[in-house]
């Protein structure tokens, strides 16, 4: 599943954790289908709740600084050999086409 959704490691793990409602470390057919229906076919508010649950690492009903630090610290960083430190987003350095 983690390979299929192609999310960075921690987000993929959180997605799995949110989908695994009975916390047995396996997704049964019902858990998987419920998650996919929520993700693709639910209302906007249900989707927001689903994404909120992914980011609420300590499951306290709030996204706090610790949750944000956790997710940011685990995001992959793209490295590029052509990155210039000055003028990248100015008229001298280019713009979105160079991003």
PDB file of N, CA and C in Angstrom:
ATOM      1  N   UNK A   1       0.821  -1.195   0.000  1.00  0.00           N
ATOM      2  CA  UNK A   1       0.000   0.000   0.000  1.00  0.00           C
ATOM      3  C   UNK A   1       0.861   1.252   0.000  1.00  0.00           C
ATOM      4  N   UNK A   2       1.940   1.240   0.782  1.00  0.00           N
ATOM      5  CA  UNK A   2       2.810   2.415   0.852  1.00  0.00           C
ATOM      6  C   UNK A   2       3.425   2.690  -0.511  1.00  0.00           C
ATOM      7  N   UNK A   3       3.799   1.635  -1.241  1.00  0.00           N
ATOM      8  CA  UNK A   3       4.343   1.820  -2.590  1.00  0.00           C
ATOM      9  C   UNK A   3       3.287   2.372  -3.532  1.00  0.00           C
ATOM     10  N   UNK A   4       2.048   1.942  -3.374  1.00  0.00           N
ATOM     11  CA  UNK A   4       0.967   2.380  -4.252  1.00  0.00           C
ATOM     12  C   UNK A   4       0.659   3.868  -4.092  1.00  0.00           C
ATOM     13  N   UNK A   5       0.573   4.342  -2.868  1.00  0.00           N
ATOM     14  CA  UNK A   5       0.162   5.733  -2.654  1.00  0.00           C
ATOM     15  C   UNK A   5       1.306   6.719  -2.859  1.00  0.00           C
ATOM     16  N   UNK A   6       2.557   6.261  -2.903  1.00  0.00           N
ATOM     17  CA  UNK A   6       3.729   7.081  -3.194  1.00  0.00           C
ATOM     18  C   UNK A   6       3.803   8.348  -2.342  1.00  0.00           C
ATOM     19  N   UNK A   7       3.525   8.228  -1.074  1.00  0.00           N
ATOM     20  CA  UNK A   7       3.668   9.324  -0.128  1.00  0.00           C
ATOM     21  C   UNK A   7       5.010   9.184   0.581  1.00  0.00           C
ATOM     22  N   UNK A   8       5.571  10.287   1.056  1.00  0.00           N
ATOM     23  CA  UNK A   8       6.784  10.159   1.874  1.00  0.00           C
ATOM     24  C   UNK A   8       6.499   9.246   3.059  1.00  0.00           C
ATOM     25  N   UNK A   9       7.504   8.522   3.516  1.00  0.00           N
ATOM     26  CA  UNK A   9       7.374   7.478   4.525  1.00  0.00           C
ATOM     27  C   UNK A   9       6.413   7.732   5.657  1.00  0.00           C
ATOM     28  N   UNK A  10       6.580   8.828   6.373  1.00  0.00           N
ATOM     29  CA  UNK A  10       5.759   9.077   7.552  1.00  0.00           C
ATOM     30  C   UNK A  10       4.294   9.332   7.179  1.00  0.00           C
ATOM     31  N   UNK A  11       4.041  10.046   6.110  1.00  0.00           N
ATOM     32  CA  UNK A  11       2.649  10.284   5.701  1.00  0.00           C
ATOM     33  C   UNK A  11       1.982   8.986   5.285  1.00  0.00           C
ATOM     34  N   UNK A  12       2.720   8.125   4.601  1.00  0.00           N
ATOM     35  CA  UNK A  12       2.157   6.834   4.210  1.00  0.00           C
ATOM     36  C   UNK A  12       1.835   5.997   5.442  1.00  0.00           C
ATOM     37  N   UNK A  13       2.716   6.027   6.425  1.00  0.00           N
ATOM     38  CA  UNK A  13       2.464   5.291   7.665  1.00  0.00           C
ATOM     39  C   UNK A  13       1.235   5.834   8.389  1.00  0.00           C
ATOM     40  N   UNK A  14       1.100   7.169   8.417  1.00  0.00           N
ATOM     41  CA  UNK A  14      -0.066   7.773   9.070  1.00  0.00           C
ATOM     42  C   UNK A  14      -1.344   7.431   8.321  1.00  0.00           C
ATOM     43  N   UNK A  15      -1.295   7.433   6.992  1.00  0.00           N
ATOM     44  CA  UNK A  15      -2.464   7.046   6.212  1.00  0.00           C
ATOM     45  C   UNK A  15      -2.890   5.635   6.588  1.00  0.00           C
ATOM     46  N   UNK A  16      -1.929   4.733   6.657  1.00  0.00           N
ATOM     47  CA  UNK A  16      -2.243   3.357   7.037  1.00  0.00           C
ATOM     48  C   UNK A  16      -2.848   3.307   8.438  1.00  0.00           C
ATOM     49  N   UNK A  17      -2.258   4.043   9.375  1.00  0.00           N
ATOM     50  CA  UNK A  17      -2.746   4.043  10.761  1.00  0.00           C
ATOM     51  C   UNK A  17      -4.186   4.552  10.838  1.00  0.00           C
ATOM     52  N   UNK A  18      -4.500   5.594  10.086  1.00  0.00           N
ATOM     53  CA  UNK A  18      -5.866   6.140  10.099  1.00  0.00           C
ATOM     54  C   UNK A  18      -6.840   5.154   9.468  1.00  0.00           C
ATOM     55  N   UNK A  19      -6.415   4.455   8.425  1.00  0.00           N
ATOM     56  CA  UNK A  19      -7.295   3.478   7.785  1.00  0.00           C
ATOM     57  C   UNK A  19      -7.510   2.244   8.658  1.00  0.00           C
ATOM     58  N   UNK A  20      -6.521   1.875   9.451  1.00  0.00           N
ATOM     59  CA  UNK A  20      -6.577   0.670  10.281  1.00  0.00           C
ATOM     60  C   UNK A  20      -7.401   0.949  11.543  1.00  0.00           C
ATOM     61  N   UNK A  21      -8.700   0.922  11.411  1.00  0.00           N
ATOM     62  CA  UNK A  21      -9.600   1.298  12.509  1.00  0.00           C
ATOM     63  C   UNK A  21      -9.511   0.365  13.710  1.00  0.00           C
ATOM     64  N   UNK A  22      -9.317  -0.940  13.497  1.00  0.00           N
ATOM     65  CA  UNK A  22      -9.267  -1.860  14.630  1.00  0.00           C
ATOM     66  C   UNK A  22      -7.843  -2.062  15.166  1.00  0.00           C
ATOM     67  N   UNK A  23      -6.877  -1.338  14.609  1.00  0.00           N
ATOM     68  CA  UNK A  23      -5.485  -1.288  15.098  1.00  0.00           C
ATOM     69  C   UNK A  23      -4.830  -2.664  15.200  1.00  0.00           C
ATOM     70  N   UNK A  24      -5.052  -3.529  14.195  1.00  0.00           N
ATOM     71  CA  UNK A  24      -4.427  -4.846  14.205  1.00  0.00           C
ATOM     72  C   UNK A  24      -3.249  -4.931  13.213  1.00  0.00           C
ATOM     73  N   UNK A  25      -2.849  -3.800  12.660  1.00  0.00           N
ATOM     74  CA  UNK A  25      -1.742  -3.690  11.702  1.00  0.00           C
ATOM     75  C   UNK A  25      -2.012  -4.374  10.368  1.00  0.00           C
ATOM     76  N   UNK A  26      -3.272  -4.601  10.063  1.00  0.00           N
ATOM     77  CA  UNK A  26      -3.695  -5.116   8.777  1.00  0.00           C
ATOM     78  C   UNK A  26      -4.911  -4.320   8.339  1.00  0.00           C
ATOM     79  N   UNK A  27      -5.074  -4.165   7.034  1.00  0.00           N
ATOM     80  CA  UNK A  27      -6.290  -3.538   6.519  1.00  0.00           C
ATOM     81  C   UNK A  27      -7.185  -4.630   5.971  1.00  0.00           C
ATOM     82  N   UNK A  28      -8.344  -4.759   6.553  1.00  0.00           N
ATOM     83  CA  UNK A  28      -9.321  -5.679   5.981  1.00  0.00           C
ATOM     84  C   UNK A  28      -9.998  -4.963   4.815  1.00  0.00           C
ATOM     85  N   UNK A  29     -10.780  -5.688   4.081  1.00  0.00           N
ATOM     86  CA  UNK A  29     -11.455  -5.129   2.915  1.00  0.00           C
ATOM     87  C   UNK A  29     -12.326  -3.935   3.300  1.00  0.00           C
ATOM     88  N   UNK A  30     -13.034  -4.043   4.398  1.00  0.00           N
ATOM     89  CA  UNK A  30     -13.922  -2.959   4.831  1.00  0.00           C
ATOM     90  C   UNK A  30     -13.138  -1.692   5.166  1.00  0.00           C
ATOM     91  N   UNK A  31     -12.031  -1.830   5.906  1.00  0.00           N
ATOM     92  CA  UNK A  31     -11.212  -0.661   6.260  1.00  0.00           C
ATOM     93  C   UNK A  31     -10.647   0.009   5.011  1.00  0.00           C
ATOM     94  N   UNK A  32     -10.136  -0.808   4.098  1.00  0.00           N
ATOM     95  CA  UNK A  32      -9.568  -0.265   2.869  1.00  0.00           C
ATOM     96  C   UNK A  32     -10.622   0.467   2.046  1.00  0.00           C
ATOM     97  N   UNK A  33     -11.762  -0.174   1.827  1.00  0.00           N
ATOM     98  CA  UNK A  33     -12.816   0.437   1.011  1.00  0.00           C
ATOM     99  C   UNK A  33     -13.414   1.675   1.676  1.00  0.00           C
ATOM    100  N   UNK A  34     -13.582   1.627   2.986  1.00  0.00           N
ATOM    101  CA  UNK A  34     -14.084   2.804   3.700  1.00  0.00           C
ATOM    102  C   UNK A  34     -13.124   3.974   3.532  1.00  0.00           C
ATOM    103  N   UNK A  35     -11.833   3.709   3.653  1.00  0.00           N
ATOM    104  CA  UNK A  35     -10.830   4.757   3.466  1.00  0.00           C
ATOM    105  C   UNK A  35     -10.836   5.315   2.054  1.00  0.00           C
ATOM    106  N   UNK A  36     -10.910   4.441   1.063  1.00  0.00           N
ATOM    107  CA  UNK A  36     -10.911   4.902  -0.332  1.00  0.00           C
ATOM    108  C   UNK A  36     -12.188   5.678  -0.655  1.00  0.00           C
ATOM    109  N   UNK A  37     -13.315   5.227  -0.135  1.00  0.00           N
ATOM    110  CA  UNK A  37     -14.564   5.968  -0.346  1.00  0.00           C
ATOM    111  C   UNK A  37     -14.501   7.337   0.326  1.00  0.00           C
ATOM    112  N   UNK A  38     -13.918   7.399   1.519  1.00  0.00           N
ATOM    113  CA  UNK A  38     -13.764   8.678   2.199  1.00  0.00           C
ATOM    114  C   UNK A  38     -12.864   9.591   1.394  1.00  0.00           C
ATOM    115  N   UNK A  39     -11.772   9.049   0.911  1.00  0.00           N
ATOM    116  CA  UNK A  39     -10.790   9.848   0.183  1.00  0.00           C
ATOM    117  C   UNK A  39     -11.317  10.332  -1.165  1.00  0.00           C
ATOM    118  N   UNK A  40     -12.034   9.485  -1.891  1.00  0.00           N
ATOM    119  CA  UNK A  40     -12.443   9.829  -3.251  1.00  0.00           C
ATOM    120  C   UNK A  40     -13.899  10.267  -3.398  1.00  0.00           C
ATOM    121  N   UNK A  41     -14.800   9.810  -2.546  1.00  0.00           N
ATOM    122  CA  UNK A  41     -16.226  10.026  -2.804  1.00  0.00           C
ATOM    123  C   UNK A  41     -16.974  10.747  -1.691  1.00  0.00           C
ATOM    124  N   UNK A  42     -16.298  11.209  -0.677  1.00  0.00           N
ATOM    125  CA  UNK A  42     -17.002  11.811   0.456  1.00  0.00           C
ATOM    126  C   UNK A  42     -17.161  13.316   0.269  1.00  0.00           C
ATOM    127  N   UNK A  43     -17.846  13.903   1.207  1.00  0.00           N
ATOM    128  CA  UNK A  43     -18.026  15.358   1.183  1.00  0.00           C
ATOM    129  C   UNK A  43     -16.710  16.052   1.532  1.00  0.00           C
ATOM    130  N   UNK A  44     -16.648  17.328   1.262  1.00  0.00           N
ATOM    131  CA  UNK A  44     -15.456  18.113   1.559  1.00  0.00           C
ATOM    132  C   UNK A  44     -15.118  18.043   3.044  1.00  0.00           C
ATOM    133  N   UNK A  45     -16.116  18.172   3.908  1.00  0.00           N
ATOM    134  CA  UNK A  45     -15.875  18.127   5.358  1.00  0.00           C
ATOM    135  C   UNK A  45     -15.338  16.775   5.816  1.00  0.00           C
ATOM    136  N   UNK A  46     -15.831  15.688   5.222  1.00  0.00           N
ATOM    137  CA  UNK A  46     -15.316  14.362   5.572  1.00  0.00           C
ATOM    138  C   UNK A  46     -13.863  14.204   5.127  1.00  0.00           C
ATOM    139  N   UNK A  47     -13.536  14.752   3.973  1.00  0.00           N
ATOM    140  CA  UNK A  47     -12.151  14.696   3.491  1.00  0.00           C
ATOM    141  C   UNK A  47     -11.231  15.519   4.390  1.00  0.00           C
ATOM    142  N   UNK A  48     -11.692  16.671   4.820  1.00  0.00           N
ATOM    143  CA  UNK A  48     -10.897  17.507   5.725  1.00  0.00           C
ATOM    144  C   UNK A  48     -10.647  16.766   7.029  1.00  0.00           C
ATOM    145  N   UNK A  49     -11.662  16.118   7.572  1.00  0.00           N
ATOM    146  CA  UNK A  49     -11.505  15.340   8.810  1.00  0.00           C
ATOM    147  C   UNK A  49     -10.503  14.205   8.607  1.00  0.00           C
ATOM    148  N   UNK A  50     -10.577  13.535   7.477  1.00  0.00           N
ATOM    149  CA  UNK A  50      -9.674  12.433   7.147  1.00  0.00           C
ATOM    150  C   UNK A  50      -8.221  12.928   7.107  1.00  0.00           C
ATOM    151  N   UNK A  51      -7.982  14.030   6.429  1.00  0.00           N
ATOM    152  CA  UNK A  51      -6.633  14.601   6.345  1.00  0.00           C
ATOM    153  C   UNK A  51      -6.187  15.105   7.711  1.00  0.00           C
ATOM    154  N   UNK A  52      -7.088  15.713   8.458  1.00  0.00           N
ATOM    155  CA  UNK A  52      -6.772  16.167   9.810  1.00  0.00           C
ATOM    156  C   UNK A  52      -6.292  14.991  10.662  1.00  0.00           C
ATOM    157  N   UNK A  53      -6.992  13.865  10.581  1.00  0.00           N
ATOM    158  CA  UNK A  53      -6.605  12.689  11.362  1.00  0.00           C
ATOM    159  C   UNK A  53      -5.209  12.195  10.986  1.00  0.00           C
ATOM    160  N   UNK A  54      -4.838  12.325   9.728  1.00  0.00           N
ATOM    161  CA  UNK A  54      -3.499  11.926   9.297  1.00  0.00           C
ATOM    162  C   UNK A  54      -2.448  12.809   9.962  1.00  0.00           C
ATOM    163  N   UNK A  55      -2.700  14.090  10.062  1.00  0.00           N
ATOM    164  CA  UNK A  55      -1.725  15.026  10.629  1.00  0.00           C
ATOM    165  C   UNK A  55      -1.758  15.103  12.152  1.00  0.00           C
ATOM    166  N   UNK A  56      -2.788  14.588  12.784  1.00  0.00           N
ATOM    167  CA  UNK A  56      -2.892  14.603  14.243  1.00  0.00           C
ATOM    168  C   UNK A  56      -2.170  13.378  14.813  1.00  0.00           C
ATOM    169  N   UNK A  57      -0.855  13.467  14.934  1.00  0.00           N
ATOM    170  CA  UNK A  57      -0.029  12.324  15.300  1.00  0.00           C
ATOM    171  C   UNK A  57      -0.332  11.769  16.681  1.00  0.00           C
ATOM    172  N   UNK A  58      -0.644  12.629  17.636  1.00  0.00           N
ATOM    173  CA  UNK A  58      -0.891  12.141  18.991  1.00  0.00           C
ATOM    174  C   UNK A  58      -2.367  11.886  19.265  1.00  0.00           C
ATOM    175  N   UNK A  59      -3.201  12.021  18.249  1.00  0.00           N
ATOM    176  CA  UNK A  59      -4.638  11.719  18.348  1.00  0.00           C
ATOM    177  C   UNK A  59      -5.338  12.433  19.492  1.00  0.00           C
ATOM    178  N   UNK A  60      -4.942  13.694  19.711  1.00  0.00           N
ATOM    179  CA  UNK A  60      -5.576  14.458  20.781  1.00  0.00           C
ATOM    180  C   UNK A  60      -6.674  15.394  20.271  1.00  0.00           C
ATOM    181  N   UNK A  61      -6.962  15.351  18.975  1.00  0.00           N
ATOM    182  CA  UNK A  61      -7.996  16.205  18.406  1.00  0.00           C
ATOM    183  C   UNK A  61      -7.511  17.581  18.015  1.00  0.00           C
ATOM    184  N   UNK A  62      -6.211  17.816  18.123  1.00  0.00           N
ATOM    185  CA  UNK A  62      -5.609  19.093  17.755  1.00  0.00           C
ATOM    186  C   UNK A  62      -4.354  18.839  16.941  1.00  0.00           C
ATOM    187  N   UNK A  63      -4.057  19.751  16.031  1.00  0.00           N
ATOM    188  CA  UNK A  63      -2.759  19.730  15.347  1.00  0.00           C
ATOM    189  C   UNK A  63      -1.935  20.815  16.009  1.00  0.00           C
ATOM    190  N   UNK A  64      -0.932  20.400  16.760  1.00  0.00           N
ATOM    191  CA  UNK A  64      -0.114  21.355  17.505  1.00  0.00           C
ATOM    192  C   UNK A  64       1.279  21.478  16.880  1.00  0.00           C
ATOM    193  N   UNK A  65       2.109  22.276  17.496  1.00  0.00           N
ATOM    194  CA  UNK A  65       3.453  22.520  16.977  1.00  0.00           C
ATOM    195  C   UNK A  65       4.242  21.219  16.835  1.00  0.00           C
ATOM    196  N   UNK A  66       4.109  20.342  17.788  1.00  0.00           N
ATOM    197  CA  UNK A  66       4.811  19.063  17.748  1.00  0.00           C
ATOM    198  C   UNK A  66       4.410  18.238  16.528  1.00  0.00           C
ATOM    199  N   UNK A  67       3.113  18.234  16.194  1.00  0.00           N
ATOM    200  CA  UNK A  67       2.637  17.518  15.008  1.00  0.00           C
ATOM    201  C   UNK A  67       3.235  18.108  13.736  1.00  0.00           C
ATOM    202  N   UNK A  68       3.279  19.435  13.660  1.00  0.00           N
ATOM    203  CA  UNK A  68       3.820  20.109  12.480  1.00  0.00           C
ATOM    204  C   UNK A  68       5.316  19.845  12.351  1.00  0.00           C
ATOM    205  N   UNK A  69       6.046  19.940  13.456  1.00  0.00           N
ATOM    206  CA  UNK A  69       7.489  19.676  13.431  1.00  0.00           C
ATOM    207  C   UNK A  69       7.748  18.245  12.987  1.00  0.00           C
ATOM    208  N   UNK A  70       6.955  17.316  13.457  1.00  0.00           N
ATOM    209  CA  UNK A  70       7.116  15.913  13.073  1.00  0.00           C
ATOM    210  C   UNK A  70       6.963  15.741  11.576  1.00  0.00           C
ATOM    211  N   UNK A  71       5.929  16.304  11.001  1.00  0.00           N
ATOM    212  CA  UNK A  71       5.683  16.111   9.572  1.00  0.00           C
ATOM    213  C   UNK A  71       6.715  16.838   8.721  1.00  0.00           C
ATOM    214  N   UNK A  72       7.101  18.031   9.114  1.00  0.00           N
ATOM    215  CA  UNK A  72       8.085  18.784   8.322  1.00  0.00           C
ATOM    216  C   UNK A  72       9.450  18.118   8.393  1.00  0.00           C
ATOM    217  N   UNK A  73       9.818  17.602   9.548  1.00  0.00           N
ATOM    218  CA  UNK A  73      11.139  16.982   9.694  1.00  0.00           C
ATOM    219  C   UNK A  73      11.258  15.690   8.892  1.00  0.00           C
ATOM    220  N   UNK A  74      10.141  15.099   8.499  1.00  0.00           N
ATOM    221  CA  UNK A  74      10.184  13.846   7.747  1.00  0.00           C
ATOM    222  C   UNK A  74       9.930  14.019   6.261  1.00  0.00           C
ATOM    223  N   UNK A  75       9.742  15.240   5.801  1.00  0.00           N
ATOM    224  CA  UNK A  75       9.522  15.481   4.383  1.00  0.00           C
ATOM    225  C   UNK A  75      10.839  15.373   3.621  1.00  0.00           C
ATOM    226  N   UNK A  76      10.816  14.690   2.476  1.00  0.00           N
ATOM    227  CA  UNK A  76      12.038  14.625   1.685  1.00  0.00           C
ATOM    228  C   UNK A  76      12.363  15.985   1.087  1.00  0.00           C
ATOM    229  N   UNK A  77      13.641  16.262   0.928  1.00  0.00           N
ATOM    230  CA  UNK A  77      14.091  17.525   0.368  1.00  0.00           C
ATOM    231  C   UNK A  77      14.713  17.240  -0.987  1.00  0.00           C
ATOM    232  N   UNK A  78      14.222  17.907  -2.004  1.00  0.00           N
ATOM    233  CA  UNK A  78      14.781  17.737  -3.345  1.00  0.00           C
ATOM    234  C   UNK A  78      16.058  18.536  -3.459  1.00  0.00           C
ATOM    235  N   UNK A  79      17.093  17.901  -3.940  1.00  0.00           N
ATOM    236  CA  UNK A  79      18.378  18.562  -4.141  1.00  0.00           C
ATOM    237  C   UNK A  79      18.583  18.771  -5.628  1.00  0.00           C
ATOM    238  N   UNK A  80      19.134  19.889  -5.985  1.00  0.00           N
ATOM    239  CA  UNK A  80      19.407  20.184  -7.385  1.00  0.00           C
ATOM    240  C   UNK A  80      20.785  20.800  -7.502  1.00  0.00           C
ATOM    241  N   UNK A  81      21.531  20.380  -8.502  1.00  0.00           N
ATOM    242  CA  UNK A  81      22.875  20.911  -8.712  1.00  0.00           C
ATOM    243  C   UNK A  81      22.831  22.302  -9.335  1.00  0.00           C
ATOM    244  N   UNK A  82      21.702  22.708  -9.897  1.00  0.00           N
ATOM    245  CA  UNK A  82      21.602  23.986 -10.597  1.00  0.00           C
ATOM    246  C   UNK A  82      20.981  25.095  -9.772  1.00  0.00           C
ATOM    247  N   UNK A  83      20.842  24.920  -8.469  1.00  0.00           N
ATOM    248  CA  UNK A  83      20.200  25.924  -7.620  1.00  0.00           C
ATOM    249  C   UNK A  83      21.181  27.051  -7.342  1.00  0.00           C
ATOM    250  N   UNK A  84      20.756  28.275  -7.670  1.00  0.00           N
ATOM    251  CA  UNK A  84      21.561  29.454  -7.366  1.00  0.00           C
ATOM    252  C   UNK A  84      20.993  30.099  -6.123  1.00  0.00           C
ATOM    253  N   UNK A  85      21.863  30.638  -5.297  1.00  0.00           N
ATOM    254  CA  UNK A  85      21.378  31.187  -4.032  1.00  0.00           C
ATOM    255  C   UNK A  85      20.818  32.587  -4.179  1.00  0.00           C
ATOM    256  N   UNK A  86      21.172  33.299  -5.252  1.00  0.00           N
ATOM    257  CA  UNK A  86      20.667  34.657  -5.424  1.00  0.00           C
ATOM    258  C   UNK A  86      19.902  34.778  -6.723  1.00  0.00           C
ATOM    259  N   UNK A  87      18.874  35.570  -6.699  1.00  0.00           N
ATOM    260  CA  UNK A  87      18.171  35.941  -7.916  1.00  0.00           C
ATOM    261  C   UNK A  87      17.289  34.880  -8.526  1.00  0.00           C
ATOM    262  N   UNK A  88      17.044  33.801  -7.851  1.00  0.00           N
ATOM    263  CA  UNK A  88      16.270  32.729  -8.458  1.00  0.00           C
ATOM    264  C   UNK A  88      14.864  33.167  -8.850  1.00  0.00           C
ATOM    265  N   UNK A  89      14.216  33.989  -8.030  1.00  0.00           N
ATOM    266  CA  UNK A  89      12.851  34.407  -8.310  1.00  0.00           C
ATOM    267  C   UNK A  89      12.777  35.890  -8.641  1.00  0.00           C
ATOM    268  N   UNK A  90      13.825  36.407  -9.220  1.00  0.00           N
ATOM    269  CA  UNK A  90      13.845  37.796  -9.655  1.00  0.00           C
ATOM    270  C   UNK A  90      13.905  37.830 -11.170  1.00  0.00           C
ATOM    271  N   UNK A  91      13.876  39.010 -11.738  1.00  0.00           N
ATOM    272  CA  UNK A  91      13.965  39.120 -13.193  1.00  0.00           C
ATOM    273  C   UNK A  91      15.305  38.622 -13.708  1.00  0.00           C
ATOM    274  N   UNK A  92      16.369  38.706 -12.879  1.00  0.00           N
ATOM    275  CA  UNK A  92      17.673  38.211 -13.305  1.00  0.00           C
ATOM    276  C   UNK A  92      17.742  36.686 -13.244  1.00  0.00           C
ATOM    277  N   UNK A  93      17.049  36.101 -12.278  1.00  0.00           N
ATOM    278  CA  UNK A  93      17.212  34.678 -12.034  1.00  0.00           C
ATOM    279  C   UNK A  93      16.148  33.798 -12.633  1.00  0.00           C
ATOM    280  N   UNK A  94      15.094  34.352 -13.143  1.00  0.00           N
ATOM    281  CA  UNK A  94      14.030  33.535 -13.701  1.00  0.00           C
ATOM    282  C   UNK A  94      12.818  33.519 -12.805  1.00  0.00           C
ATOM    283  N   UNK A  95      12.094  32.446 -12.852  1.00  0.00           N
ATOM    284  CA  UNK A  95      10.864  32.355 -12.075  1.00  0.00           C
ATOM    285  C   UNK A  95      10.368  30.941 -12.005  1.00  0.00           C
ATOM    286  N   UNK A  96       9.063  30.773 -12.160  1.00  0.00           N
ATOM    287  CA  UNK A  96       8.443  29.464 -11.964  1.00  0.00           C
ATOM    288  C   UNK A  96       8.958  28.429 -12.966  1.00  0.00           C
ATOM    289  N   UNK A  97       9.336  28.844 -14.165  1.00  0.00           N
ATOM    290  CA  UNK A  97       9.824  27.874 -15.133  1.00  0.00           C
ATOM    291  C   UNK A  97      11.138  27.237 -14.696  1.00  0.00           C
ATOM    292  N   UNK A  98      11.880  27.889 -13.785  1.00  0.00           N
ATOM    293  CA  UNK A  98      13.127  27.333 -13.283  1.00  0.00           C
ATOM    294  C   UNK A  98      12.948  26.556 -12.000  1.00  0.00           C
ATOM    295  N   UNK A  99      11.762  26.580 -11.452  1.00  0.00           N
ATOM    296  CA  UNK A  99      11.524  25.947 -10.158  1.00  0.00           C
ATOM    297  C   UNK A  99      11.604  24.444 -10.265  1.00  0.00           C
TER     298      UNK A  99
END
